[in-house]
Amino acid sequence: MSTIRRQSIISSFVVYIGFAFGFLNTYLLTRQGGFTKEEYGLIAMFVAVAQVMFSLANVGMPAFLNKFFPYYKAHLPENKNDQLTWALLLPCAGFLIVLLLGLGFKNIVANKIFSNSPELLNYYYWLFPFGFGFTIFMVLEAYSWQRGKAVISNFLKEVVFRAFVTLLILLTAVGFIKNFNTFIGLYSFIYIALVSYLLFYFRRRKQLNFTIQRSNVTQKFLKKITALIGFVWGGGLVFSLASVVDTLIIAAVLPNGVGAAAVFTFGQYVASLIQAPQRAVVSASVGALSQAWKDKDFKKINKIYHRSSINQLLFSCAMFSLIWINFEDGIFTFHLQKEYIASKWIFFYIGLTYILDMGTGLNGQIISTSSYWKFEFKTRMILFAITLPLTYFLTVKYGIVGPPFANLISYSIYNAIRYSFLLKKFNMQPFDRKTLLALALGGACFLLAYLPLKNYTGLHWMVIRSLLFCVPFAAGMIWMKLSPDAIPVWLTLKKKLRLG
């Protein structure tokens, strides 16, 4: 567990450096006198559409890498390992089909479905290099996780990508980039640059070998691989659509769709601060879970399940509280465009969804790396079947707060199903009395920091409110020993600082 803890901590640190760049980017894109709301919304649309393209083109290759990498590594020398060859070749072929479909149905996509978002038509062709780079990067990210290099892929995705965006924004602000057309053109190639670096990195480490000769491992597991990628590809497509359908429906249904998507994206981005450690925990744990299933080490799996739950619950409750007590004050203090105040309740519902999803631990990763990965596909089908119609109807009825409320309902059902499955099938469940203590501690510290100071505004009051929450929360967490991973970190910190 110390390896997972170490990688999780380092990856979390990397993720938050990335979020510092992301916060700067969001500020520069949404401040008064900066980019227009429509331009910010268009950038958000690029990410959502790229996610759809990846879902269509990846052909289940990330799951193929996560599930079968230990078998290829154990039975093949590096120069005869053909897993990465297929993992990259098939998505390239898949994206070619996506490209042909995108060009063939351009008028339907841009003029019919997104008729409320005419800005999308102006930059339609730039979606494809962005989507292709994103697709290949996500495949290489899975390969990085299995190679124990999650920190590298996280650094590129969370820090370098956002640093490139910061550079483009600053070059636009000083007039070096003359217009938004050039900005989007350069933005669309960032992931391709990151892919090039990852390939170079693994090549230098002699971990990038291509061979089209089918290995004995591929031949032995071909039926299982085919079944896995068939189910997981379909499930991944459904899950990815479910994760971005809110942005797409807002752009398609609401007046000034791209502008409305900008407000939604702002609330969604702020809420993603809550979810950041989940990315680090997942990237650090997937390889260990795959190996544990191979070794039938159920004790280790259960341990990862429990620790991922309590650690993520503590963090998500703390982060949600810190943002909520300072949300409106932050909008006005940092002089953001006043339209973004409407994203407060978007953050609220998405934030609750993340607390629920993180608090139930790595249930999806545990199921997807097990021999019951087909069940994960079924649950994703259920999620999509609930999310799509619910998001549409709640958007029509309640406007921009409809999608996050639909997500809260959908993910509650989704996680309840997965929780019940692991409990029934393996007698695994992540909760104990510390779960209730964590929720009680978060609620008490929230009231302590919010109620006395809610009417005070300004940066110094934001700092005071935050300290009034963080100090008792951290002290309570350590005193009650709520997190098994926080205690070793605290003891190490005490030793280094010579606190006794």
Protein backbone atom coordinates (compact mmCIF):
# COMPACT_ATOMS: atom_id res chain seq x y z
CA MET A 1 0.00 0.00 0.00
CA SER A 2 2.95 2.36 0.55
CA THR A 3 3.62 2.36 -3.23
CA ILE A 4 0.01 3.27 -3.98
CA ARG A 5 0.06 5.91 -1.25
CA ARG A 6 3.29 7.40 -2.57
CA GLN A 7 2.09 7.51 -6.19
CA SER A 8 -1.30 8.86 -5.10
CA ILE A 9 0.30 11.66 -3.10
CA ILE A 10 2.73 12.59 -5.87
CA SER A 11 0.00 12.38 -8.51
CA SER A 12 -2.36 14.46 -6.35
CA PHE A 13 0.36 17.08 -5.99
CA VAL A 14 0.85 17.07 -9.76
CA VAL A 15 -2.90 17.29 -10.34
CA TYR A 16 -3.17 20.33 -8.09
CA ILE A 17 -0.29 22.08 -9.80
CA GLY A 18 -2.33 21.49 -12.94
CA PHE A 19 -5.40 22.90 -11.27
CA ALA A 20 -3.44 25.99 -10.31
CA PHE A 21 -2.78 26.51 -14.03
CA GLY A 22 -6.41 25.60 -14.72
CA PHE A 23 -7.63 28.17 -12.21
CA LEU A 24 -5.41 30.78 -13.82
CA ASN A 25 -6.74 29.84 -17.24
CA THR A 26 -10.34 29.95 -16.05
CA TYR A 27 -9.72 33.36 -14.52
CA LEU A 28 -8.13 34.70 -17.70
CA LEU A 29 -10.92 33.27 -19.85
CA THR A 30 -13.81 34.49 -17.66
CA ARG A 31 -12.58 37.78 -16.21
CA GLN A 32 -14.13 41.03 -17.23
CA GLY A 33 -12.52 42.26 -20.44
CA GLY A 34 -11.10 38.83 -21.29
CA PHE A 35 -12.44 36.23 -23.71
CA THR A 36 -16.14 36.28 -24.48
CA LYS A 37 -18.49 33.81 -22.88
CA GLU A 38 -19.03 32.17 -26.27
CA GLU A 39 -15.28 31.68 -26.80
CA TYR A 40 -14.91 30.06 -23.39
CA GLY A 41 -17.92 27.86 -24.12
CA LEU A 42 -16.42 26.80 -27.45
CA ILE A 43 -13.23 25.63 -25.70
CA ALA A 44 -15.43 23.56 -23.38
CA MET A 45 -17.21 22.09 -26.40
CA PHE A 46 -13.87 20.97 -27.83
CA VAL A 47 -13.21 18.90 -24.70
CA ALA A 48 -16.71 17.39 -24.70
CA VAL A 49 -16.59 16.47 -28.40
CA ALA A 50 -13.08 15.03 -28.02
CA GLN A 51 -14.41 12.78 -25.27
CA VAL A 52 -17.10 11.49 -27.64
CA MET A 53 -14.52 10.92 -30.40
CA PHE A 54 -12.30 9.01 -27.99
CA SER A 55 -15.23 6.87 -26.90
CA LEU A 56 -15.98 5.92 -30.50
CA ALA A 57 -12.39 5.44 -31.66
CA ASN A 58 -10.55 3.77 -28.74
CA VAL A 59 -11.99 0.26 -29.43
CA GLY A 60 -11.64 -0.66 -25.74
CA MET A 61 -7.84 -0.46 -25.83
CA PRO A 62 -7.35 1.23 -22.41
CA ALA A 63 -9.28 -1.66 -20.80
CA PHE A 64 -7.24 -4.15 -22.85
CA LEU A 65 -4.04 -2.63 -21.45
CA ASN A 66 -5.34 -2.46 -17.88
CA LYS A 67 -6.63 -6.03 -17.82
CA PHE A 68 -4.01 -7.99 -19.77
CA PHE A 69 -0.77 -6.06 -19.28
CA PRO A 70 0.40 -8.29 -16.37
CA TYR A 71 0.03 -11.38 -18.60
CA TYR A 72 1.98 -9.88 -21.51
CA LYS A 73 4.69 -8.63 -19.16
CA ALA A 74 5.02 -12.00 -17.40
CA HIS A 75 5.25 -14.16 -20.53
CA LEU A 76 6.92 -12.06 -23.24
CA PRO A 77 10.25 -10.25 -23.65
CA GLU A 78 10.00 -6.57 -24.52
CA ASN A 79 10.89 -6.99 -28.20
CA LYS A 80 8.12 -9.57 -28.74
CA ASN A 81 5.41 -7.83 -26.72
CA ASP A 82 2.76 -6.90 -29.28
CA GLN A 83 0.18 -5.46 -26.87
CA LEU A 84 1.03 -1.79 -27.39
CA THR A 85 1.09 -2.25 -31.17
CA TRP A 86 -2.54 -3.34 -31.24
CA ALA A 87 -3.46 -0.83 -28.53
CA LEU A 88 -2.34 2.02 -30.82
CA LEU A 89 -3.12 0.59 -34.24
CA LEU A 90 -6.81 -0.13 -33.61
CA PRO A 91 -7.65 3.36 -32.23
CA CYS A 92 -5.94 4.93 -35.26
CA ALA A 93 -8.21 2.87 -37.51
CA GLY A 94 -11.17 3.70 -35.29
CA PHE A 95 -10.48 7.42 -35.51
CA LEU A 96 -10.28 7.24 -39.29
CA ILE A 97 -13.89 6.02 -39.25
CA VAL A 98 -14.81 8.83 -36.84
CA LEU A 99 -13.19 11.34 -39.18
CA LEU A 100 -15.11 10.06 -42.20
CA LEU A 101 -18.40 10.09 -40.27
CA GLY A 102 -17.69 13.58 -38.92
CA LEU A 103 -17.02 14.98 -42.38
CA GLY A 104 -19.95 13.16 -43.95
CA PHE A 105 -22.50 14.28 -41.35
CA LYS A 106 -21.14 17.79 -40.79
CA ASN A 107 -24.34 19.55 -41.83
CA ILE A 108 -26.49 17.41 -39.56
CA VAL A 109 -24.18 17.85 -36.54
CA ALA A 110 -23.50 21.57 -36.90
CA ASN A 111 -26.71 22.85 -38.50
CA LYS A 112 -29.38 20.56 -37.06
CA ILE A 113 -28.28 19.22 -33.65
CA PHE A 114 -26.28 22.30 -32.58
CA SER A 115 -28.22 24.95 -34.44
CA ASN A 116 -28.21 27.08 -31.24
CA SER A 117 -24.39 27.03 -31.28
CA PRO A 118 -23.30 28.53 -34.63
CA GLU A 119 -19.78 29.11 -33.27
CA LEU A 120 -19.18 25.36 -33.49
CA LEU A 121 -19.57 25.42 -37.27
CA ASN A 122 -16.86 28.05 -37.67
CA TYR A 123 -14.23 25.86 -35.99
CA TYR A 124 -15.63 22.45 -36.90
CA TYR A 125 -12.55 21.04 -38.67
CA TRP A 126 -10.23 21.87 -35.76
CA LEU A 127 -12.16 19.36 -33.63
CA PHE A 128 -10.50 16.43 -35.41
CA PRO A 129 -6.80 17.00 -34.62
CA PHE A 130 -7.79 17.79 -31.03
CA GLY A 131 -9.91 14.62 -30.81
CA PHE A 132 -7.21 12.43 -32.41
CA GLY A 133 -4.52 13.67 -30.04
CA PHE A 134 -6.82 13.16 -27.06
CA THR A 135 -7.68 9.60 -28.18
CA ILE A 136 -4.07 8.42 -28.56
CA PHE A 137 -3.01 10.19 -25.36
CA MET A 138 -5.69 8.37 -23.35
CA VAL A 139 -4.45 5.02 -24.67
CA LEU A 140 -0.87 5.89 -23.78
CA GLU A 141 -2.06 7.05 -20.37
CA ALA A 142 -3.35 3.54 -19.64
CA TYR A 143 0.01 2.16 -20.80
CA SER A 144 1.79 4.61 -18.47
CA TRP A 145 -0.29 3.42 -15.51
CA GLN A 146 0.70 -0.17 -16.15
CA ARG A 147 4.35 0.78 -16.50
CA GLY A 148 4.20 2.47 -13.09
CA LYS A 149 4.58 5.90 -14.71
CA ALA A 150 1.25 7.39 -13.71
CA VAL A 151 3.02 10.51 -12.45
CA ILE A 152 4.40 11.22 -15.95
CA SER A 153 1.05 10.90 -17.71
CA ASN A 154 -0.69 12.91 -14.98
CA PHE A 155 1.96 15.61 -15.25
CA LEU A 156 1.47 15.90 -19.00
CA LYS A 157 -2.32 15.82 -18.83
CA GLU A 158 -2.88 18.01 -15.78
CA VAL A 159 0.09 20.40 -15.84
CA VAL A 160 1.72 20.60 -19.27
CA PHE A 161 -1.58 20.73 -21.18
CA ARG A 162 -2.86 23.58 -19.02
CA ALA A 163 0.50 25.34 -19.13
CA PHE A 164 0.29 25.31 -22.94
CA VAL A 165 -3.20 26.80 -22.71
CA THR A 166 -1.90 29.49 -20.33
CA LEU A 167 0.82 30.34 -22.83
CA LEU A 168 -1.70 30.62 -25.67
CA ILE A 169 -3.95 32.88 -23.57
CA LEU A 170 -1.05 35.17 -22.62
CA LEU A 171 0.19 35.33 -26.22
CA THR A 172 -3.33 36.32 -27.25
CA ALA A 173 -3.55 38.93 -24.49
CA VAL A 174 -0.31 40.64 -25.58
CA GLY A 175 -1.33 40.55 -29.24
CA PHE A 176 1.23 38.02 -30.50
CA ILE A 177 -1.67 35.72 -31.43
CA LYS A 178 -3.83 38.08 -33.46
CA ASN A 179 -7.24 36.41 -33.30
CA PHE A 180 -9.27 33.55 -31.85
CA ASN A 181 -8.96 31.54 -35.08
CA THR A 182 -5.21 31.20 -34.56
CA PHE A 183 -5.73 30.45 -30.87
CA ILE A 184 -8.05 27.53 -31.65
CA GLY A 185 -5.77 26.24 -34.40
CA LEU A 186 -2.82 26.02 -31.99
CA TYR A 187 -5.01 24.72 -29.15
CA SER A 188 -6.20 21.79 -31.29
CA PHE A 189 -2.65 20.37 -31.61
CA ILE A 190 -1.65 20.39 -27.91
CA TYR A 191 -2.53 16.73 -27.29
CA ILE A 192 -0.64 15.64 -30.40
CA ALA A 193 2.45 17.34 -28.94
CA LEU A 194 1.94 15.50 -25.63
CA VAL A 195 1.55 12.17 -27.46
CA SER A 196 4.83 12.81 -29.28
CA TYR A 197 6.61 13.36 -25.97
CA LEU A 198 5.19 10.20 -24.38
CA LEU A 199 6.29 8.10 -27.35
CA PHE A 200 9.76 9.63 -27.13
CA TYR A 201 9.85 9.03 -23.35
CA PHE A 202 9.04 5.31 -23.59
CA ARG A 203 11.33 4.92 -26.59
CA ARG A 204 14.27 6.22 -24.58
CA ARG A 205 13.43 3.78 -21.77
CA LYS A 206 13.31 0.92 -24.30
CA GLN A 207 9.64 0.33 -23.43
CA LEU A 208 8.27 1.21 -26.86
CA ASN A 209 8.44 -1.76 -29.19
CA PHE A 210 6.20 -2.39 -32.18
CA THR A 211 5.64 -5.73 -33.83
CA ILE A 212 2.76 -6.90 -35.99
CA GLN A 213 3.59 -10.55 -35.36
CA ARG A 214 0.87 -11.99 -33.15
CA SER A 215 2.38 -13.29 -29.90
CA ASN A 216 1.41 -16.51 -28.14
CA VAL A 217 -0.23 -14.44 -25.37
CA THR A 218 -2.46 -12.70 -27.91
CA GLN A 219 -3.34 -16.05 -29.49
CA LYS A 220 -4.06 -17.67 -26.11
CA PHE A 221 -6.31 -14.89 -24.81
CA LEU A 222 -7.76 -13.71 -28.15
CA LYS A 223 -11.33 -14.77 -27.38
CA LYS A 224 -11.22 -13.20 -23.93
CA ILE A 225 -9.61 -10.04 -25.31
CA THR A 226 -12.23 -9.76 -28.05
CA ALA A 227 -15.05 -10.24 -25.56
CA LEU A 228 -13.50 -7.72 -23.16
CA ILE A 229 -12.97 -4.95 -25.69
CA GLY A 230 -16.41 -5.53 -27.21
CA PHE A 231 -18.20 -5.09 -23.91
CA VAL A 232 -15.90 -2.45 -22.45
CA TRP A 233 -15.84 -0.42 -25.67
CA GLY A 234 -19.62 -0.32 -25.67
CA GLY A 235 -19.71 0.42 -21.95
CA GLY A 236 -16.99 3.06 -22.26
CA LEU A 237 -18.85 4.73 -25.09
CA VAL A 238 -21.99 4.83 -23.00
CA PHE A 239 -20.14 6.07 -19.91
CA SER A 240 -18.28 8.78 -21.82
CA LEU A 241 -21.47 9.97 -23.47
CA ALA A 242 -23.12 10.05 -20.05
CA SER A 243 -20.26 12.16 -18.69
CA VAL A 244 -20.47 14.83 -21.42
CA VAL A 245 -24.12 14.60 -22.46
CA ASP A 246 -24.98 17.50 -20.14
CA THR A 247 -22.68 19.93 -21.99
CA LEU A 248 -23.87 18.69 -25.37
CA ILE A 249 -27.57 18.93 -24.47
CA ILE A 250 -27.14 22.42 -23.03
CA ALA A 251 -25.43 23.55 -26.26
CA ALA A 252 -28.15 21.91 -28.36
CA VAL A 253 -31.29 22.83 -26.39
CA LEU A 254 -30.83 26.14 -24.58
CA PRO A 255 -30.81 29.56 -26.30
CA ASN A 256 -27.28 30.83 -26.91
CA GLY A 257 -26.12 27.24 -26.42
CA VAL A 258 -22.36 27.86 -26.37
CA GLY A 259 -22.78 30.75 -23.91
CA ALA A 260 -24.92 28.59 -21.62
CA ALA A 261 -22.32 25.82 -21.93
CA ALA A 262 -19.70 28.32 -20.73
CA VAL A 263 -21.62 29.00 -17.50
CA PHE A 264 -22.17 25.27 -16.98
CA THR A 265 -18.50 24.51 -17.69
CA PHE A 266 -17.37 27.09 -15.15
CA GLY A 267 -19.41 25.43 -12.39
CA GLN A 268 -18.27 22.02 -13.59
CA TYR A 269 -14.62 23.06 -13.56
CA VAL A 270 -14.81 24.48 -10.06
CA ALA A 271 -16.45 21.23 -8.92
CA SER A 272 -13.66 19.23 -10.57
CA LEU A 273 -11.35 20.55 -7.84
CA ILE A 274 -13.19 18.11 -5.59
CA GLN A 275 -12.56 15.19 -7.93
CA ALA A 276 -8.86 15.76 -8.54
CA PRO A 277 -7.51 13.18 -6.04
CA GLN A 278 -9.77 10.53 -7.58
CA ARG A 279 -7.73 10.73 -10.77
CA ALA A 280 -4.52 10.24 -8.80
CA VAL A 281 -5.91 7.35 -6.76
CA VAL A 282 -7.27 5.59 -9.85
CA SER A 283 -4.04 5.97 -11.82
CA ALA A 284 -1.97 4.67 -8.88
CA SER A 285 -4.32 1.76 -8.05
CA VAL A 286 -5.41 0.23 -11.38
CA GLY A 287 -2.11 -1.58 -11.93
CA ALA A 288 -2.14 -2.94 -8.36
CA LEU A 289 -5.76 -4.08 -8.73
CA SER A 290 -5.01 -5.89 -12.00
CA GLN A 291 -2.10 -7.71 -10.37
CA ALA A 292 -4.13 -8.50 -7.24
CA TRP A 293 -6.90 -10.11 -9.30
CA LYS A 294 -4.30 -12.13 -11.19
CA ASP A 295 -2.83 -13.30 -7.85
CA LYS A 296 -6.32 -13.75 -6.29
CA ASP A 297 -5.26 -11.47 -3.44
CA PHE A 298 -8.74 -10.52 -2.17
CA LYS A 299 -7.39 -9.06 1.05
CA LYS A 300 -5.38 -6.48 -0.89
CA ILE A 301 -8.35 -5.63 -3.10
CA ASN A 302 -10.59 -5.10 -0.08
CA LYS A 303 -7.92 -2.94 1.55
CA ILE A 304 -7.63 -0.72 -1.53
CA TYR A 305 -11.44 -0.50 -1.67
CA HIS A 306 -11.78 0.64 1.94
CA ARG A 307 -8.89 3.08 1.92
CA SER A 308 -9.93 4.66 -1.37
CA SER A 309 -13.38 5.26 0.10
CA ILE A 310 -12.46 6.95 3.37
CA ASN A 311 -9.57 8.98 1.90
CA GLN A 312 -11.66 10.28 -0.97
CA LEU A 313 -14.67 10.96 1.24
CA LEU A 314 -12.61 13.07 3.63
CA PHE A 315 -11.05 15.07 0.84
CA SER A 316 -14.24 15.58 -1.16
CA CYS A 317 -16.20 16.79 1.89
CA ALA A 318 -13.42 19.20 2.79
CA MET A 319 -13.01 20.57 -0.73
CA PHE A 320 -16.76 20.94 -1.28
CA SER A 321 -17.11 22.89 1.96
CA LEU A 322 -14.17 25.19 1.23
CA ILE A 323 -15.50 26.10 -2.21
CA TRP A 324 -19.12 26.53 -1.14
CA ILE A 325 -18.33 28.90 1.73
CA ASN A 326 -16.30 31.10 -0.65
CA PHE A 327 -18.08 30.70 -4.00
CA GLU A 328 -19.94 34.00 -4.42
CA ASP A 329 -17.22 35.95 -2.64
CA GLY A 330 -14.69 34.52 -5.10
CA ILE A 331 -16.70 35.60 -8.16
CA PHE A 332 -16.83 39.22 -7.01
CA THR A 333 -13.39 39.39 -5.41
CA PHE A 334 -11.62 38.20 -8.57
CA HIS A 335 -13.83 40.37 -10.83
CA LEU A 336 -15.16 37.57 -13.00
CA GLN A 337 -17.97 38.24 -15.44
CA LYS A 338 -21.17 38.49 -13.40
CA GLU A 339 -22.98 35.88 -15.54
CA TYR A 340 -20.90 33.16 -13.88
CA ILE A 341 -22.64 33.63 -10.54
CA ALA A 342 -25.38 31.44 -12.07
CA SER A 343 -22.97 28.49 -11.87
CA LYS A 344 -23.20 28.33 -8.06
CA TRP A 345 -25.98 25.74 -8.01
CA ILE A 346 -24.37 23.86 -10.86
CA PHE A 347 -21.35 23.45 -8.60
CA PHE A 348 -23.59 22.41 -5.71
CA TYR A 349 -25.22 19.45 -7.47
CA ILE A 350 -22.05 18.35 -9.28
CA GLY A 351 -20.12 18.63 -6.02
CA LEU A 352 -22.60 16.37 -4.21
CA THR A 353 -22.32 13.91 -7.10
CA TYR A 354 -18.54 13.81 -6.72
CA ILE A 355 -18.78 13.29 -2.95
CA LEU A 356 -21.10 10.35 -3.55
CA ASP A 357 -18.94 8.88 -6.32
CA MET A 358 -15.65 9.27 -4.45
CA GLY A 359 -17.06 8.17 -1.12
CA THR A 360 -18.05 4.79 -2.56
CA GLY A 361 -14.41 4.07 -3.42
CA LEU A 362 -12.90 2.43 -6.48
CA ASN A 363 -15.87 0.14 -7.07
CA GLY A 364 -15.82 0.62 -10.85
CA GLN A 365 -12.08 -0.06 -11.14
CA ILE A 366 -12.36 -3.16 -8.94
CA ILE A 367 -15.15 -4.59 -11.09
CA SER A 368 -13.59 -3.65 -14.43
CA THR A 369 -10.24 -5.32 -13.60
CA SER A 370 -11.95 -8.50 -12.34
CA SER A 371 -13.43 -11.41 -14.30
CA TYR A 372 -16.84 -9.74 -13.84
CA TRP A 373 -16.01 -6.80 -16.09
CA LYS A 374 -19.19 -7.49 -18.09
CA PHE A 375 -21.18 -6.29 -15.10
CA GLU A 376 -19.43 -2.92 -15.32
CA PHE A 377 -20.66 -2.67 -18.91
CA LYS A 378 -24.22 -3.41 -17.79
CA THR A 379 -24.13 -0.76 -15.07
CA ARG A 380 -22.86 1.81 -17.56
CA MET A 381 -25.74 0.96 -19.86
CA ILE A 382 -28.11 1.58 -16.94
CA LEU A 383 -26.36 4.87 -16.19
CA PHE A 384 -26.73 6.07 -19.77
CA ALA A 385 -30.34 4.87 -20.00
CA ILE A 386 -31.15 7.01 -16.96
CA THR A 387 -28.90 9.99 -17.67
CA LEU A 388 -29.80 10.77 -21.28
CA PRO A 389 -33.59 11.21 -21.01
CA LEU A 390 -33.40 12.64 -17.49
CA THR A 391 -30.85 15.27 -18.56
CA TYR A 392 -32.90 16.28 -21.58
CA PHE A 393 -36.20 16.64 -19.71
CA LEU A 394 -34.69 18.41 -16.69
CA THR A 395 -32.79 20.79 -18.99
CA VAL A 396 -35.98 21.67 -20.84
CA LYS A 397 -37.85 22.14 -17.56
CA TYR A 398 -35.26 23.72 -15.25
CA GLY A 399 -32.68 25.13 -17.64
CA ILE A 400 -29.00 25.04 -16.83
CA VAL A 401 -29.37 23.42 -13.36
CA GLY A 402 -31.24 20.46 -14.87
CA PRO A 403 -28.17 18.45 -16.05
CA PRO A 404 -26.26 18.48 -12.74
CA PHE A 405 -29.41 17.47 -10.85
CA ALA A 406 -29.93 14.65 -13.35
CA ASN A 407 -26.34 13.54 -12.77
CA LEU A 408 -26.85 13.43 -9.02
CA ILE A 409 -29.86 11.13 -9.42
CA SER A 410 -28.18 8.93 -12.06
CA TYR A 411 -24.89 8.46 -10.21
CA SER A 412 -26.72 7.67 -6.97
CA ILE A 413 -28.42 4.73 -8.68
CA TYR A 414 -25.22 3.79 -10.55
CA ASN A 415 -23.07 3.58 -7.42
CA ALA A 416 -25.78 1.85 -5.41
CA ILE A 417 -25.86 -0.97 -7.99
CA ARG A 418 -22.07 -1.40 -8.01
CA TYR A 419 -21.89 -1.25 -4.21
CA SER A 420 -24.55 -3.97 -3.91
CA PHE A 421 -22.78 -6.16 -6.46
CA LEU A 422 -19.43 -6.14 -4.65
CA LEU A 423 -21.14 -6.72 -1.32
CA LYS A 424 -23.12 -9.69 -2.59
CA LYS A 425 -20.45 -11.27 -4.81
CA PHE A 426 -17.29 -10.77 -2.71
CA ASN A 427 -18.62 -9.59 0.66
CA MET A 428 -16.71 -6.33 0.14
CA GLN A 429 -17.99 -2.95 1.23
CA PRO A 430 -15.97 0.18 2.02
CA PHE A 431 -17.93 1.72 4.91
CA ASP A 432 -17.53 1.60 8.70
CA ARG A 433 -18.08 3.94 11.64
CA LYS A 434 -15.33 6.22 10.36
CA THR A 435 -17.52 7.02 7.35
CA LEU A 436 -20.16 8.56 9.62
CA LEU A 437 -17.50 10.34 11.68
CA ALA A 438 -16.01 11.84 8.51
CA LEU A 439 -19.40 13.20 7.41
CA ALA A 440 -20.12 14.56 10.90
CA LEU A 441 -16.71 16.23 11.11
CA GLY A 442 -17.14 17.85 7.70
CA GLY A 443 -20.61 19.14 8.56
CA ALA A 444 -19.53 20.57 11.93
CA CYS A 445 -16.49 22.36 10.48
CA PHE A 446 -18.62 23.73 7.62
CA LEU A 447 -21.09 25.32 10.04
CA LEU A 448 -18.24 26.67 12.17
CA ALA A 449 -16.63 28.42 9.20
CA TYR A 450 -19.75 29.50 7.29
CA LEU A 451 -22.39 30.78 9.68
CA PRO A 452 -20.39 33.43 11.60
CA LEU A 453 -18.69 34.91 8.50
CA LYS A 454 -21.12 34.40 5.63
CA ASN A 455 -21.88 38.13 5.23
CA TYR A 456 -18.24 39.27 5.07
CA THR A 457 -16.56 39.75 1.69
CA GLY A 458 -13.03 40.18 0.43
CA LEU A 459 -9.92 38.08 -0.08
CA HIS A 460 -8.86 38.25 3.58
CA TRP A 461 -12.27 36.94 4.69
CA MET A 462 -11.97 34.08 2.22
CA VAL A 463 -8.66 33.15 3.83
CA ILE A 464 -10.09 33.42 7.35
CA ARG A 465 -13.12 31.25 6.49
CA SER A 466 -10.85 28.67 4.88
CA LEU A 467 -8.54 28.51 7.90
CA LEU A 468 -11.52 28.30 10.24
CA PHE A 469 -12.59 25.18 8.36
CA CYS A 470 -9.22 23.55 7.64
CA VAL A 471 -7.57 23.71 11.07
CA PRO A 472 -10.31 21.93 13.08
CA PHE A 473 -11.01 19.53 10.19
CA ALA A 474 -7.36 18.44 9.91
CA ALA A 475 -7.01 18.22 13.70
CA GLY A 476 -10.20 16.16 14.00
CA MET A 477 -9.17 13.84 11.18
CA ILE A 478 -5.82 13.10 12.81
CA TRP A 479 -7.19 12.88 16.37
CA MET A 480 -9.91 10.39 15.39
CA LYS A 481 -7.49 8.54 13.05
CA LEU A 482 -10.03 8.61 10.24
CA SER A 483 -7.55 8.04 7.41
CA PRO A 484 -5.01 5.19 7.60
CA ASP A 485 -2.90 6.96 4.97
CA ALA A 486 -2.98 10.40 6.57
CA ILE A 487 -1.38 9.21 9.81
CA PRO A 488 1.93 8.02 8.23
CA VAL A 489 2.11 11.26 6.25
CA TRP A 490 1.51 13.30 9.42
CA LEU A 491 4.14 11.34 11.38
CA THR A 492 6.67 11.83 8.58
CA LEU A 493 5.89 15.53 8.50
CA LYS A 494 6.28 15.82 12.28
CA LYS A 495 9.63 14.08 12.09
CA LYS A 496 10.94 16.30 9.30
CA LEU A 497 9.76 19.46 11.07
CA ARG A 498 11.00 18.15 14.44
CA LEU A 499 7.65 18.68 16.11
CA GLY A 500 8.21 15.87 18.58
